[in-house]
C-alpha atoms as a PDB file:
ATOM      1  CA  MET A   1    -162.890 -46.696 -31.733  1.00  0.00           C
ATOM      2  CA  VAL A   2    -164.683 -43.362 -31.673  1.00  0.00           C
ATOM      3  CA  THR A   3    -164.657 -40.047 -33.471  1.00  0.00           C
ATOM      4  CA  ILE A   4    -163.792 -37.109 -31.248  1.00  0.00           C
ATOM      5  CA  SER A   5    -164.696 -33.508 -32.006  1.00  0.00           C
ATOM      6  CA  CYS A   6    -163.289 -30.279 -30.594  1.00  0.00           C
ATOM      7  CA  GLY A   7    -163.681 -26.751 -31.902  1.00  0.00           C
ATOM      8  CA  GLY A   8    -165.032 -27.943 -35.234  1.00  0.00           C
ATOM      9  CA  LYS A   9    -162.131 -30.352 -35.800  1.00  0.00           C
ATOM     10  CA  PHE A  10    -162.899 -34.084 -36.103  1.00  0.00           C
ATOM     11  CA  PHE A  11    -160.549 -36.916 -35.147  1.00  0.00           C
ATOM     12  CA  PRO A  12    -161.833 -40.311 -36.400  1.00  0.00           C
ATOM     13  CA  ASN A  13    -160.841 -43.808 -35.296  1.00  0.00           C
ATOM     14  CA  ILE A  14    -159.542 -42.812 -31.861  1.00  0.00           C
ATOM     15  CA  GLN A  15    -158.757 -45.647 -29.490  1.00  0.00           C
ATOM     16  CA  ALA A  16    -156.920 -43.715 -26.744  1.00  0.00           C
ATOM     17  CA  VAL A  17    -156.473 -40.224 -25.326  1.00  0.00           C
ATOM     18  CA  ILE A  18    -153.357 -39.195 -23.421  1.00  0.00           C
ATOM     19  CA  PHE A  19    -153.583 -36.147 -21.177  1.00  0.00           C
ATOM     20  CA  ASP A  20    -150.915 -33.893 -19.755  1.00  0.00           C
ATOM     21  CA  LYS A  21    -151.479 -33.243 -16.033  1.00  0.00           C
ATOM     22  CA  ASP A  22    -150.448 -29.803 -14.746  1.00  0.00           C
ATOM     23  CA  GLY A  23    -152.252 -27.010 -16.565  1.00  0.00           C
ATOM     24  CA  THR A  24    -154.424 -29.494 -18.462  1.00  0.00           C
ATOM     25  CA  LEU A  25    -156.270 -31.653 -15.931  1.00  0.00           C
ATOM     26  CA  GLU A  26    -155.068 -30.004 -12.731  1.00  0.00           C
ATOM     27  CA  ASP A  27    -155.258 -26.291 -11.950  1.00  0.00           C
ATOM     28  CA  SER A  28    -151.839 -26.114 -10.310  1.00  0.00           C
ATOM     29  CA  GLN A  29    -150.724 -22.681 -11.546  1.00  0.00           C
ATOM     30  CA  ASN A  30    -150.991 -20.943  -8.167  1.00  0.00           C
ATOM     31  CA  PHE A  31    -149.286 -23.846  -6.418  1.00  0.00           C
ATOM     32  CA  GLU A  32    -146.442 -23.956  -8.945  1.00  0.00           C
ATOM     33  CA  ARG A  33    -145.937 -20.191  -8.627  1.00  0.00           C
ATOM     34  CA  GLU A  34    -145.767 -20.373  -4.833  1.00  0.00           C
ATOM     35  CA  LEU A  35    -143.435 -23.372  -5.008  1.00  0.00           C
ATOM     36  CA  GLY A  36    -141.095 -21.542  -7.382  1.00  0.00           C
ATOM     37  CA  ILE A  37    -141.066 -18.488  -5.137  1.00  0.00           C
ATOM     38  CA  LYS A  38    -140.325 -20.619  -2.061  1.00  0.00           C
ATOM     39  CA  ARG A  39    -137.451 -22.384  -3.839  1.00  0.00           C
ATOM     40  CA  ALA A  40    -135.938 -19.073  -4.913  1.00  0.00           C
ATOM     41  CA  ARG A  41    -136.244 -17.642  -1.408  1.00  0.00           C
ATOM     42  CA  MET A  42    -134.619 -20.695   0.154  1.00  0.00           C
ATOM     43  CA  ILE A  43    -131.624 -20.359  -2.157  1.00  0.00           C
ATOM     44  CA  ASP A  44    -131.501 -16.573  -1.780  1.00  0.00           C
ATOM     45  CA  ALA A  45    -131.237 -17.016   1.994  1.00  0.00           C
ATOM     46  CA  GLN A  46    -127.906 -18.758   1.399  1.00  0.00           C
ATOM     47  CA  ILE A  47    -126.760 -16.702  -1.583  1.00  0.00           C
ATOM     48  CA  PRO A  48    -128.216 -13.168  -1.285  1.00  0.00           C
ATOM     49  CA  GLY A  49    -129.161 -11.546  -4.577  1.00  0.00           C
ATOM     50  CA  ILE A  50    -129.806 -14.722  -6.529  1.00  0.00           C
ATOM     51  CA  GLY A  51    -133.534 -14.857  -5.803  1.00  0.00           C
ATOM     52  CA  GLU A  52    -134.774 -12.509  -8.533  1.00  0.00           C
ATOM     53  CA  PRO A  53    -132.677 -14.033 -11.336  1.00  0.00           C
ATOM     54  CA  LEU A  54    -133.924 -17.460 -10.269  1.00  0.00           C
ATOM     55  CA  LEU A  55    -137.550 -16.343 -10.444  1.00  0.00           C
ATOM     56  CA  MET A  56    -136.978 -15.112 -13.991  1.00  0.00           C
ATOM     57  CA  ALA A  57    -135.344 -18.440 -14.882  1.00  0.00           C
ATOM     58  CA  PHE A  58    -138.360 -20.277 -13.478  1.00  0.00           C
ATOM     59  CA  GLY A  59    -140.700 -18.111 -15.585  1.00  0.00           C
ATOM     60  CA  ILE A  60    -142.163 -16.207 -12.623  1.00  0.00           C
ATOM     61  CA  GLU A  61    -142.470 -12.441 -12.995  1.00  0.00           C
ATOM     62  CA  ASP A  62    -144.750  -9.891 -11.306  1.00  0.00           C
ATOM     63  CA  ASN A  63    -146.308 -12.756  -9.324  1.00  0.00           C
ATOM     64  CA  ASN A  64    -147.401 -14.422 -12.567  1.00  0.00           C
ATOM     65  CA  ILE A  65    -146.180 -17.702 -14.042  1.00  0.00           C
ATOM     66  CA  ASP A  66    -145.384 -18.006 -17.743  1.00  0.00           C
ATOM     67  CA  PRO A  67    -147.424 -20.943 -19.168  1.00  0.00           C
ATOM     68  CA  ALA A  68    -144.478 -21.691 -21.467  1.00  0.00           C
ATOM     69  CA  GLY A  69    -141.831 -21.103 -18.790  1.00  0.00           C
ATOM     70  CA  LEU A  70    -139.589 -23.564 -16.987  1.00  0.00           C
ATOM     71  CA  MET A  71    -141.682 -23.875 -13.827  1.00  0.00           C
ATOM     72  CA  ALA A  72    -144.860 -24.523 -15.820  1.00  0.00           C
ATOM     73  CA  VAL A  73    -143.565 -27.090 -18.310  1.00  0.00           C
ATOM     74  CA  GLY A  74    -140.209 -28.341 -17.055  1.00  0.00           C
ATOM     75  CA  SER A  75    -139.639 -31.394 -14.906  1.00  0.00           C
ATOM     76  CA  ARG A  76    -138.437 -31.114 -11.326  1.00  0.00           C
ATOM     77  CA  TRP A  77    -134.996 -32.282 -12.466  1.00  0.00           C
ATOM     78  CA  GLU A  78    -134.839 -29.607 -15.178  1.00  0.00           C
ATOM     79  CA  ASN A  79    -135.798 -26.887 -12.677  1.00  0.00           C
ATOM     80  CA  GLU A  80    -133.219 -28.185 -10.204  1.00  0.00           C
ATOM     81  CA  ILE A  81    -130.454 -28.194 -12.820  1.00  0.00           C
ATOM     82  CA  ALA A  82    -131.375 -24.659 -13.918  1.00  0.00           C
ATOM     83  CA  ALA A  83    -131.193 -23.474 -10.306  1.00  0.00           C
ATOM     84  CA  ALA A  84    -127.836 -25.203  -9.834  1.00  0.00           C
ATOM     85  CA  ALA A  85    -126.506 -23.479 -12.960  1.00  0.00           C
ATOM     86  CA  TYR A  86    -127.379 -20.047 -11.532  1.00  0.00           C
ATOM     87  CA  ILE A  87    -125.778 -21.003  -8.223  1.00  0.00           C
ATOM     88  CA  ALA A  88    -122.618 -22.160 -10.013  1.00  0.00           C
ATOM     89  CA  GLU A  89    -122.340 -18.729 -11.656  1.00  0.00           C
ATOM     90  CA  THR A  90    -121.720 -17.257  -8.191  1.00  0.00           C
ATOM     91  CA  GLY A  91    -118.448 -19.194  -7.958  1.00  0.00           C
ATOM     92  CA  ARG A  92    -119.612 -22.394  -6.289  1.00  0.00           C
ATOM     93  CA  SER A  93    -118.393 -25.706  -7.633  1.00  0.00           C
ATOM     94  CA  TRP A  94    -120.876 -27.687  -9.692  1.00  0.00           C
ATOM     95  CA  PHE A  95    -121.082 -30.346  -6.976  1.00  0.00           C
ATOM     96  CA  GLU A  96    -121.811 -27.717  -4.307  1.00  0.00           C
ATOM     97  CA  ALA A  97    -124.304 -25.922  -6.563  1.00  0.00           C
ATOM     98  CA  GLN A  98    -126.277 -29.106  -7.132  1.00  0.00           C
ATOM     99  CA  LYS A  99    -126.242 -29.858  -3.421  1.00  0.00           C
ATOM    100  CA  ILE A 100    -127.582 -26.399  -2.516  1.00  0.00           C
ATOM    101  CA  ALA A 101    -130.335 -26.596  -5.145  1.00  0.00           C
ATOM    102  CA  LYS A 102    -131.391 -30.105  -4.139  1.00  0.00           C
ATOM    103  CA  LYS A 103    -131.595 -29.167  -0.461  1.00  0.00           C
ATOM    104  CA  ALA A 104    -133.575 -25.975  -1.164  1.00  0.00           C
ATOM    105  CA  PHE A 105    -136.075 -27.883  -3.317  1.00  0.00           C
ATOM    106  CA  ALA A 106    -136.536 -30.497  -0.589  1.00  0.00           C
ATOM    107  CA  GLU A 107    -137.052 -27.788   2.055  1.00  0.00           C
ATOM    108  CA  ALA A 108    -139.629 -26.022  -0.151  1.00  0.00           C
ATOM    109  CA  ASP A 109    -141.558 -29.301  -0.434  1.00  0.00           C
ATOM    110  CA  LYS A 110    -141.962 -29.346   3.350  1.00  0.00           C
ATOM    111  CA  TYR A 111    -143.727 -25.971   3.277  1.00  0.00           C
ATOM    112  CA  LEU A 112    -146.062 -26.669   0.358  1.00  0.00           C
ATOM    113  CA  GLU A 113    -148.107 -29.763  -0.360  1.00  0.00           C
ATOM    114  CA  LYS A 114    -150.664 -30.325  -3.089  1.00  0.00           C
ATOM    115  CA  SER A 115    -154.270 -30.876  -2.075  1.00  0.00           C
ATOM    116  CA  VAL A 116    -157.690 -31.004  -3.702  1.00  0.00           C
ATOM    117  CA  ASP A 117    -158.187 -27.416  -2.502  1.00  0.00           C
ATOM    118  CA  ASN A 118    -155.000 -25.800  -3.811  1.00  0.00           C
ATOM    119  CA  CYS A 119    -154.752 -27.972  -6.951  1.00  0.00           C
ATOM    120  CA  PRO A 120    -158.325 -28.756  -8.073  1.00  0.00           C
ATOM    121  CA  LEU A 121    -159.354 -30.389 -11.325  1.00  0.00           C
ATOM    122  CA  PHE A 122    -160.230 -27.886 -14.024  1.00  0.00           C
ATOM    123  CA  ALA A 123    -163.960 -27.387 -14.605  1.00  0.00           C
ATOM    124  CA  GLY A 124    -165.378 -30.014 -16.940  1.00  0.00           C
ATOM    125  CA  GLY A 125    -162.358 -32.293 -16.596  1.00  0.00           C
ATOM    126  CA  LEU A 126    -163.998 -35.082 -14.616  1.00  0.00           C
ATOM    127  CA  GLU A 127    -167.019 -35.116 -16.907  1.00  0.00           C
ATOM    128  CA  VAL A 128    -164.824 -35.501 -20.007  1.00  0.00           C
ATOM    129  CA  ILE A 129    -162.793 -38.267 -18.375  1.00  0.00           C
ATOM    130  CA  LYS A 130    -165.976 -40.163 -17.496  1.00  0.00           C
ATOM    131  CA  MET A 131    -167.454 -39.626 -20.959  1.00  0.00           C
ATOM    132  CA  LEU A 132    -164.388 -41.008 -22.720  1.00  0.00           C
ATOM    133  CA  SER A 133    -164.061 -43.912 -20.311  1.00  0.00           C
ATOM    134  CA  GLU A 134    -167.717 -44.914 -20.721  1.00  0.00           C
ATOM    135  CA  ALA A 135    -167.222 -44.879 -24.496  1.00  0.00           C
ATOM    136  CA  GLY A 136    -164.431 -47.452 -24.152  1.00  0.00           C
ATOM    137  CA  VAL A 137    -161.568 -45.059 -24.899  1.00  0.00           C
ATOM    138  CA  LYS A 138    -158.299 -45.965 -23.187  1.00  0.00           C
ATOM    139  CA  LEU A 139    -156.979 -43.120 -21.057  1.00  0.00           C
ATOM    140  CA  GLY A 140    -153.507 -42.180 -19.938  1.00  0.00           C
ATOM    141  CA  ILE A 141    -151.632 -39.367 -18.220  1.00  0.00           C
ATOM    142  CA  LEU A 142    -148.178 -38.387 -19.459  1.00  0.00           C
ATOM    143  CA  SER A 143    -146.617 -35.647 -17.357  1.00  0.00           C
ATOM    144  CA  ALA A 144    -143.321 -33.825 -16.799  1.00  0.00           C
ATOM    145  CA  ASP A 145    -143.945 -34.612 -13.131  1.00  0.00           C
ATOM    146  CA  THR A 146    -142.544 -37.832 -11.680  1.00  0.00           C
ATOM    147  CA  THR A 147    -144.504 -41.066 -12.032  1.00  0.00           C
ATOM    148  CA  ASP A 148    -145.050 -41.010  -8.271  1.00  0.00           C
ATOM    149  CA  GLY A 149    -146.423 -37.471  -8.617  1.00  0.00           C
ATOM    150  CA  VAL A 150    -148.850 -38.601 -11.330  1.00  0.00           C
ATOM    151  CA  LYS A 151    -150.020 -41.535  -9.225  1.00  0.00           C
ATOM    152  CA  GLU A 152    -150.473 -39.242  -6.236  1.00  0.00           C
ATOM    153  CA  PHE A 153    -152.614 -36.929  -8.391  1.00  0.00           C
ATOM    154  CA  VAL A 154    -154.793 -39.830  -9.562  1.00  0.00           C
ATOM    155  CA  GLY A 155    -155.258 -41.027  -5.993  1.00  0.00           C
ATOM    156  CA  ARG A 156    -155.950 -37.571  -4.610  1.00  0.00           C
ATOM    157  CA  HIS A 157    -158.763 -37.004  -7.104  1.00  0.00           C
ATOM    158  CA  GLN A 158    -159.988 -40.628  -7.030  1.00  0.00           C
ATOM    159  CA  LEU A 159    -159.455 -41.191 -10.756  1.00  0.00           C
ATOM    160  CA  GLY A 160    -157.910 -44.650 -10.608  1.00  0.00           C
ATOM    161  CA  GLU A 161    -160.842 -46.422 -12.250  1.00  0.00           C
ATOM    162  CA  TYR A 162    -160.553 -44.272 -15.385  1.00  0.00           C
ATOM    163  CA  PHE A 163    -156.843 -44.280 -16.258  1.00  0.00           C
ATOM    164  CA  GLN A 164    -154.934 -47.265 -17.592  1.00  0.00           C
ATOM    165  CA  LEU A 165    -151.640 -45.335 -17.715  1.00  0.00           C
ATOM    166  CA  THR A 166    -150.026 -43.000 -15.169  1.00  0.00           C
ATOM    167  CA  MET A 167    -146.592 -42.041 -16.423  1.00  0.00           C
ATOM    168  CA  GLY A 168    -144.112 -39.320 -15.513  1.00  0.00           C
ATOM    169  CA  GLY A 169    -140.971 -38.030 -17.158  1.00  0.00           C
ATOM    170  CA  ASP A 170    -138.542 -39.792 -14.844  1.00  0.00           C
ATOM    171  CA  ARG A 171    -137.461 -42.694 -17.038  1.00  0.00           C
ATOM    172  CA  GLY A 172    -134.438 -41.065 -18.652  1.00  0.00           C
ATOM    173  CA  ILE A 173    -136.352 -39.127 -21.328  1.00  0.00           C
ATOM    174  CA  SER A 174    -138.647 -36.128 -21.112  1.00  0.00           C
ATOM    175  CA  LYS A 175    -140.928 -33.973 -23.243  1.00  0.00           C
ATOM    176  CA  PRO A 176    -140.715 -33.159 -26.119  1.00  0.00           C
ATOM    177  CA  ASP A 177    -138.914 -36.427 -26.961  1.00  0.00           C
ATOM    178  CA  PRO A 178    -141.363 -38.480 -29.104  1.00  0.00           C
ATOM    179  CA  ALA A 179    -139.988 -41.648 -27.493  1.00  0.00           C
ATOM    180  CA  LEU A 180    -141.957 -40.758 -24.355  1.00  0.00           C
ATOM    181  CA  PHE A 181    -145.244 -40.741 -26.276  1.00  0.00           C
ATOM    182  CA  LEU A 182    -144.319 -43.972 -28.060  1.00  0.00           C
ATOM    183  CA  GLN A 183    -143.645 -45.623 -24.691  1.00  0.00           C
ATOM    184  CA  ALA A 184    -147.021 -44.439 -23.413  1.00  0.00           C
ATOM    185  CA  CYS A 185    -148.847 -45.809 -26.473  1.00  0.00           C
ATOM    186  CA  ALA A 186    -147.032 -49.142 -26.151  1.00  0.00           C
ATOM    187  CA  ALA A 187    -148.042 -49.358 -22.487  1.00  0.00           C
ATOM    188  CA  LEU A 188    -151.682 -48.732 -23.458  1.00  0.00           C
ATOM    189  CA  GLY A 189    -151.483 -51.234 -26.312  1.00  0.00           C
ATOM    190  CA  VAL A 190    -152.481 -48.706 -28.988  1.00  0.00           C
ATOM    191  CA  LEU A 191    -150.929 -47.171 -32.083  1.00  0.00           C
ATOM    192  CA  PRO A 192    -149.880 -43.485 -32.008  1.00  0.00           C
ATOM    193  CA  ALA A 193    -152.033 -42.929 -35.117  1.00  0.00           C
ATOM    194  CA  GLU A 194    -155.074 -43.966 -33.033  1.00  0.00           C
ATOM    195  CA  THR A 195    -154.148 -41.772 -30.064  1.00  0.00           C
ATOM    196  CA  LEU A 196    -154.960 -38.141 -29.285  1.00  0.00           C
ATOM    197  CA  MET A 197    -152.735 -35.922 -27.135  1.00  0.00           C
ATOM    198  CA  VAL A 198    -154.375 -33.281 -24.940  1.00  0.00           C
ATOM    199  CA  GLY A 199    -151.965 -30.790 -23.399  1.00  0.00           C
ATOM    200  CA  ASP A 200    -151.202 -27.171 -22.646  1.00  0.00           C
ATOM    201  CA  SER A 201    -147.556 -26.806 -23.710  1.00  0.00           C
ATOM    202  CA  GLN A 202    -145.426 -26.701 -26.827  1.00  0.00           C
ATOM    203  CA  GLY A 203    -143.593 -29.740 -25.482  1.00  0.00           C
ATOM    204  CA  ASP A 204    -146.838 -31.740 -25.581  1.00  0.00           C
ATOM    205  CA  LEU A 205    -147.406 -30.701 -29.194  1.00  0.00           C
ATOM    206  CA  GLU A 206    -143.895 -31.453 -30.436  1.00  0.00           C
ATOM    207  CA  MET A 207    -143.751 -34.783 -28.636  1.00  0.00           C
ATOM    208  CA  ALA A 208    -147.066 -36.030 -30.021  1.00  0.00           C
ATOM    209  CA  ARG A 209    -146.426 -34.794 -33.560  1.00  0.00           C
ATOM    210  CA  GLY A 210    -142.983 -36.367 -33.614  1.00  0.00           C
ATOM    211  CA  ALA A 211    -144.492 -39.690 -32.564  1.00  0.00           C
ATOM    212  CA  GLY A 212    -147.164 -39.609 -35.282  1.00  0.00           C
ATOM    213  CA  ALA A 213    -150.169 -39.028 -33.018  1.00  0.00           C
ATOM    214  CA  ALA A 214    -153.663 -38.857 -34.491  1.00  0.00           C
ATOM    215  CA  GLY A 215    -153.832 -35.221 -33.409  1.00  0.00           C
ATOM    216  CA  VAL A 216    -153.147 -32.689 -30.697  1.00  0.00           C
ATOM    217  CA  ILE A 217    -155.739 -30.711 -28.762  1.00  0.00           C
ATOM    218  CA  GLY A 218    -154.247 -27.663 -27.035  1.00  0.00           C
ATOM    219  CA  ILE A 219    -155.894 -26.555 -23.797  1.00  0.00           C
ATOM    220  CA  CYS A 220    -155.635 -22.841 -22.964  1.00  0.00           C
ATOM    221  CA  GLN A 221    -157.750 -22.766 -19.767  1.00  0.00           C
ATOM    222  CA  GLY A 222    -158.364 -19.045 -20.323  1.00  0.00           C
ATOM    223  CA  LYS A 223    -154.682 -18.192 -20.934  1.00  0.00           C
ATOM    224  CA  ALA A 224    -153.126 -16.724 -24.076  1.00  0.00           C
ATOM    225  CA  ALA A 225    -152.626 -19.521 -26.594  1.00  0.00           C
ATOM    226  CA  LYS A 226    -149.683 -18.277 -28.690  1.00  0.00           C
ATOM    227  CA  HIS A 227    -147.616 -21.324 -27.709  1.00  0.00           C
ATOM    228  CA  LEU A 228    -150.417 -23.608 -28.934  1.00  0.00           C
ATOM    229  CA  LYS A 229    -150.672 -22.234 -32.464  1.00  0.00           C
ATOM    230  CA  GLU A 230    -149.332 -25.487 -33.934  1.00  0.00           C
ATOM    231  CA  ALA A 231    -152.004 -27.633 -32.271  1.00  0.00           C
ATOM    232  CA  ASP A 232    -154.690 -29.106 -34.513  1.00  0.00           C
ATOM    233  CA  VAL A 233    -157.176 -27.165 -32.413  1.00  0.00           C
ATOM    234  CA  ALA A 234    -156.955 -25.062 -29.245  1.00  0.00           C
ATOM    235  CA  CYS A 235    -159.807 -24.604 -26.792  1.00  0.00           C
ATOM    236  CA  ASP A 236    -160.417 -22.941 -23.434  1.00  0.00           C
ATOM    237  CA  ARG A 237    -161.995 -25.856 -21.573  1.00  0.00           C
ATOM    238  CA  LEU A 238    -161.755 -29.626 -21.533  1.00  0.00           C
ATOM    239  CA  ASP A 239    -165.517 -29.993 -21.887  1.00  0.00           C
ATOM    240  CA  GLU A 240    -165.251 -28.650 -25.434  1.00  0.00           C
ATOM    241  CA  ILE A 241    -164.060 -32.159 -26.263  1.00  0.00           C
ATOM    242  CA  LYS A 242    -166.984 -34.277 -27.485  1.00  0.00           C
ATOM    243  CA  ILE A 243    -167.631 -37.718 -28.901  1.00  0.00           C
ATOM    244  CA  VAL A 244    -169.414 -37.955 -32.244  1.00  0.00           C
ATOM    245  CA  HIS A 245    -171.944 -40.777 -32.133  1.00  0.00           C
ATOM    246  CA  SER A 246    -173.656 -42.062 -35.289  1.00  0.00           C
ATOM    247  CA  ASP A 247    -177.244 -43.121 -34.802  1.00  0.00           C
ATOM    248  CA  ASP A 248    -177.574 -46.161 -37.087  1.00  0.00           C
ATOM    249  CA  LEU A 249    -181.367 -46.058 -37.019  1.00  0.00           C
ATOM    250  CA  SER A 250    -181.904 -42.484 -38.090  1.00  0.00           C
ATOM    251  CA  GLY A 251    -178.660 -41.896 -39.969  1.00  0.00           C
ATOM    252  CA  ARG A 252    -178.203 -38.724 -38.006  1.00  0.00           C
ATOM    253  CA  THR A 253    -174.984 -37.719 -36.276  1.00  0.00           C
ATOM    254  CA  LYS A 254    -175.077 -36.261 -32.836  1.00  0.00           C
ATOM    255  CA  LEU A 255    -172.472 -35.048 -30.385  1.00  0.00           C
ATOM    256  CA  ILE A 256    -172.147 -36.805 -27.045  1.00  0.00           C
ATOM    257  CA  THR A 257    -170.963 -34.144 -24.633  1.00  0.00           C
ATOM    258  CA  ALA A 258    -169.476 -34.469 -21.178  1.00  0.00           C
ATOM    259  CA  GLY A 259    -172.141 -35.390 -18.668  1.00  0.00           C
ATOM    260  CA  SER A 260    -174.870 -36.034 -21.259  1.00  0.00           C
ATOM    261  CA  GLY A 261    -174.681 -39.825 -21.322  1.00  0.00           C
ATOM    262  CA  GLY A 262    -175.810 -41.435 -24.532  1.00  0.00           C
ATOM    263  CA  PHE A 263    -174.027 -44.762 -24.337  1.00  0.00           C
END
């Protein structure tokens, strides 16, 4: 177990850290915005006039994406259902509305594909992952994306050696249900009270708190942090996360930072 520090807040006896993916580890904001726009345009081509309301529903306005909006924090299924609901309001049956939304989402996927270039890791992320792993901390990813999407992310960025858990929200429950966090902790073989959550959304915070997590670190990545006010601490960058290492010989306490070694 280790003590982790961030923004002057200390979290002792930590055995595992669970990260959100999009907006926390992966800078996917531009990709998600473009994907939302493409989905709306595909549906608008069939039902003229629905495009703008759909963009607002997705949390996309003035070419910006709301960090607390549906596209940023919702699962693919949740976005698809929201789109189908707007389609149904135009007089289509629910079955037809779901079919139109599903097809439009699939077509949008053909135009846009994630890559290391358009969805890079946030600065400092890899260094923090390595630091925690070298200290013996168990690491997991718990995302609103599908499990396949999480595994694809890990493979794309060659992170497989660091993460013991790659889990998406496609097992019947989704954020902010605490059961999702409890499942993740069970899979890692750790107690929630020994596990930190690192995420960028209110759903991450509520889920972890409801499960009795050791604490929640909110990651802003330069964005406004109003939705993270209930986190134990909020910071701009992942590399603000440090390990506190006690030097038994000198009695002094020092911070092991990302990329500094020390173990």
